[in-house]
Amino acid sequence: MSAATLNQLDHPINCDVLVCGNDLAAKEKVIELIRRLDVAAYNTGPAVNARCIEAITPILIRLNISKKVPFTHAGIRIWAPGA
């Protein structure tokens, strides 16, 4: 989720948040706080998983600076086909 998205308090946040870390209680607290923003948050396991999650960031940045897409704040959405 981009800082620009978080700074637009008058707009809904249209993405999900992936939370990883080694302290389960801390992750649960972070997920609780994120859900207060009416945003889905998912426990994605231990901190070592951040390496994979952060690898998505350059792709989102590239989309955000591209003039070929109709948006400027790309994010991630987790969904189940047919749900």
C-alpha atoms as a PDB file:
ATOM      1  CA  MET A   1       0.000   0.000   0.000  1.00  0.00           C
ATOM      2  CA  SER A   2       1.495   3.312  -1.030  1.00  0.00           C
ATOM      3  CA  ALA A   3       1.923   6.267   1.301  1.00  0.00           C
ATOM      4  CA  ALA A   4      -0.180   8.299  -1.129  1.00  0.00           C
ATOM      5  CA  THR A   5      -3.034   5.840  -0.646  1.00  0.00           C
ATOM      6  CA  LEU A   6      -2.775   6.113   3.140  1.00  0.00           C
ATOM      7  CA  ASN A   7      -2.756   9.916   2.943  1.00  0.00           C
ATOM      8  CA  GLN A   8      -6.092  10.018   1.100  1.00  0.00           C
ATOM      9  CA  LEU A   9      -8.312   9.505   4.119  1.00  0.00           C
ATOM     10  CA  ASP A  10     -11.437  10.530   2.207  1.00  0.00           C
ATOM     11  CA  HIS A  11     -11.025   7.629  -0.269  1.00  0.00           C
ATOM     12  CA  PRO A  12     -11.498   3.913   0.410  1.00  0.00           C
ATOM     13  CA  ILE A  13      -8.360   1.786   0.410  1.00  0.00           C
ATOM     14  CA  ASN A  14      -8.780  -0.708  -2.407  1.00  0.00           C
ATOM     15  CA  CYS A  15      -6.073  -3.251  -1.637  1.00  0.00           C
ATOM     16  CA  ASP A  16      -5.140  -5.912   0.879  1.00  0.00           C
ATOM     17  CA  VAL A  17      -2.140  -6.038   3.207  1.00  0.00           C
ATOM     18  CA  LEU A  18       0.193  -8.993   3.676  1.00  0.00           C
ATOM     19  CA  VAL A  19       1.665  -9.135   7.198  1.00  0.00           C
ATOM     20  CA  CYS A  20       4.655 -11.286   8.085  1.00  0.00           C
ATOM     21  CA  GLY A  21       6.823 -11.476  11.174  1.00  0.00           C
ATOM     22  CA  ASN A  22       8.162 -13.789  13.838  1.00  0.00           C
ATOM     23  CA  ASP A  23       6.020 -12.501  16.728  1.00  0.00           C
ATOM     24  CA  LEU A  24       2.470 -13.853  16.415  1.00  0.00           C
ATOM     25  CA  ALA A  25       1.025 -11.423  18.983  1.00  0.00           C
ATOM     26  CA  ALA A  26       2.579  -8.465  17.165  1.00  0.00           C
ATOM     27  CA  LYS A  27       1.234  -9.674  13.817  1.00  0.00           C
ATOM     28  CA  GLU A  28      -2.243 -10.083  15.283  1.00  0.00           C
ATOM     29  CA  LYS A  29      -2.117  -6.506  16.624  1.00  0.00           C
ATOM     30  CA  VAL A  30      -0.960  -5.133  13.259  1.00  0.00           C
ATOM     31  CA  ILE A  31      -3.699  -7.071  11.453  1.00  0.00           C
ATOM     32  CA  GLU A  32      -6.277  -5.721  13.920  1.00  0.00           C
ATOM     33  CA  LEU A  33      -5.122  -2.132  13.297  1.00  0.00           C
ATOM     34  CA  ILE A  34      -5.191  -2.592   9.520  1.00  0.00           C
ATOM     35  CA  ARG A  35      -8.704  -4.037   9.659  1.00  0.00           C
ATOM     36  CA  ARG A  36      -9.851  -0.890  11.499  1.00  0.00           C
ATOM     37  CA  LEU A  37      -9.132   0.882   8.195  1.00  0.00           C
ATOM     38  CA  ASP A  38     -11.674  -1.492   6.578  1.00  0.00           C
ATOM     39  CA  VAL A  39      -8.822  -3.235   4.761  1.00  0.00           C
ATOM     40  CA  ALA A  40      -8.273  -6.996   4.577  1.00  0.00           C
ATOM     41  CA  ALA A  41      -5.011  -8.143   6.147  1.00  0.00           C
ATOM     42  CA  TYR A  42      -3.488 -11.589   5.992  1.00  0.00           C
ATOM     43  CA  ASN A  43      -0.933 -13.363   8.169  1.00  0.00           C
ATOM     44  CA  THR A  44       1.652 -14.503   5.628  1.00  0.00           C
ATOM     45  CA  GLY A  45       3.976 -16.323   7.993  1.00  0.00           C
ATOM     46  CA  PRO A  46       7.440 -15.656   9.386  1.00  0.00           C
ATOM     47  CA  ALA A  47       9.628 -12.635   8.661  1.00  0.00           C
ATOM     48  CA  VAL A  48      11.670 -14.587   6.132  1.00  0.00           C
ATOM     49  CA  ASN A  49       8.622 -14.418   3.834  1.00  0.00           C
ATOM     50  CA  ALA A  50       9.047 -10.641   3.596  1.00  0.00           C
ATOM     51  CA  ARG A  51      11.712 -11.289   0.985  1.00  0.00           C
ATOM     52  CA  CYS A  52       9.099 -12.682  -1.405  1.00  0.00           C
ATOM     53  CA  ILE A  53       6.457 -10.118  -0.531  1.00  0.00           C
ATOM     54  CA  GLU A  54       8.835  -7.170  -0.965  1.00  0.00           C
ATOM     55  CA  ALA A  55       9.859  -8.520  -4.374  1.00  0.00           C
ATOM     56  CA  ILE A  56       6.415  -7.429  -5.593  1.00  0.00           C
ATOM     57  CA  THR A  57       7.164  -3.779  -4.749  1.00  0.00           C
ATOM     58  CA  PRO A  58       9.212  -2.924  -7.874  1.00  0.00           C
ATOM     59  CA  ILE A  59       6.384  -4.259 -10.041  1.00  0.00           C
ATOM     60  CA  LEU A  60       3.850  -2.038  -8.268  1.00  0.00           C
ATOM     61  CA  ILE A  61       6.151   0.985  -8.528  1.00  0.00           C
ATOM     62  CA  ARG A  62       6.599   0.378 -12.254  1.00  0.00           C
ATOM     63  CA  LEU A  63       2.827   0.193 -12.710  1.00  0.00           C
ATOM     64  CA  ASN A  64       2.374   3.355 -10.675  1.00  0.00           C
ATOM     65  CA  ILE A  65       4.776   5.387 -12.821  1.00  0.00           C
ATOM     66  CA  SER A  66       3.523   3.944 -16.103  1.00  0.00           C
ATOM     67  CA  LYS A  67       1.314   6.160 -18.218  1.00  0.00           C
ATOM     68  CA  LYS A  68      -0.258   3.057 -19.775  1.00  0.00           C
ATOM     69  CA  VAL A  69      -2.562   2.216 -16.863  1.00  0.00           C
ATOM     70  CA  PRO A  70      -5.619   4.155 -15.626  1.00  0.00           C
ATOM     71  CA  PHE A  71      -4.399   4.397 -12.024  1.00  0.00           C
ATOM     72  CA  THR A  72      -1.471   5.718 -10.004  1.00  0.00           C
ATOM     73  CA  HIS A  73      -1.545   3.678  -6.785  1.00  0.00           C
ATOM     74  CA  ALA A  74      -1.398  -0.036  -7.634  1.00  0.00           C
ATOM     75  CA  GLY A  75      -1.824  -2.489  -4.789  1.00  0.00           C
ATOM     76  CA  ILE A  76      -2.429  -6.174  -4.133  1.00  0.00           C
ATOM     77  CA  ARG A  77      -5.844  -7.810  -3.783  1.00  0.00           C
ATOM     78  CA  ILE A  78      -6.259 -11.415  -2.578  1.00  0.00           C
ATOM     79  CA  TRP A  79      -9.352 -13.101  -4.008  1.00  0.00           C
ATOM     80  CA  ALA A  80     -10.736 -16.540  -4.700  1.00  0.00           C
ATOM     81  CA  PRO A  81     -12.029 -17.126  -8.240  1.00  0.00           C
ATOM     82  CA  GLY A  82     -15.748 -17.726  -8.198  1.00  0.00           C
ATOM     83  CA  ALA A  83     -16.156 -16.408  -4.654  1.00  0.00           C
END
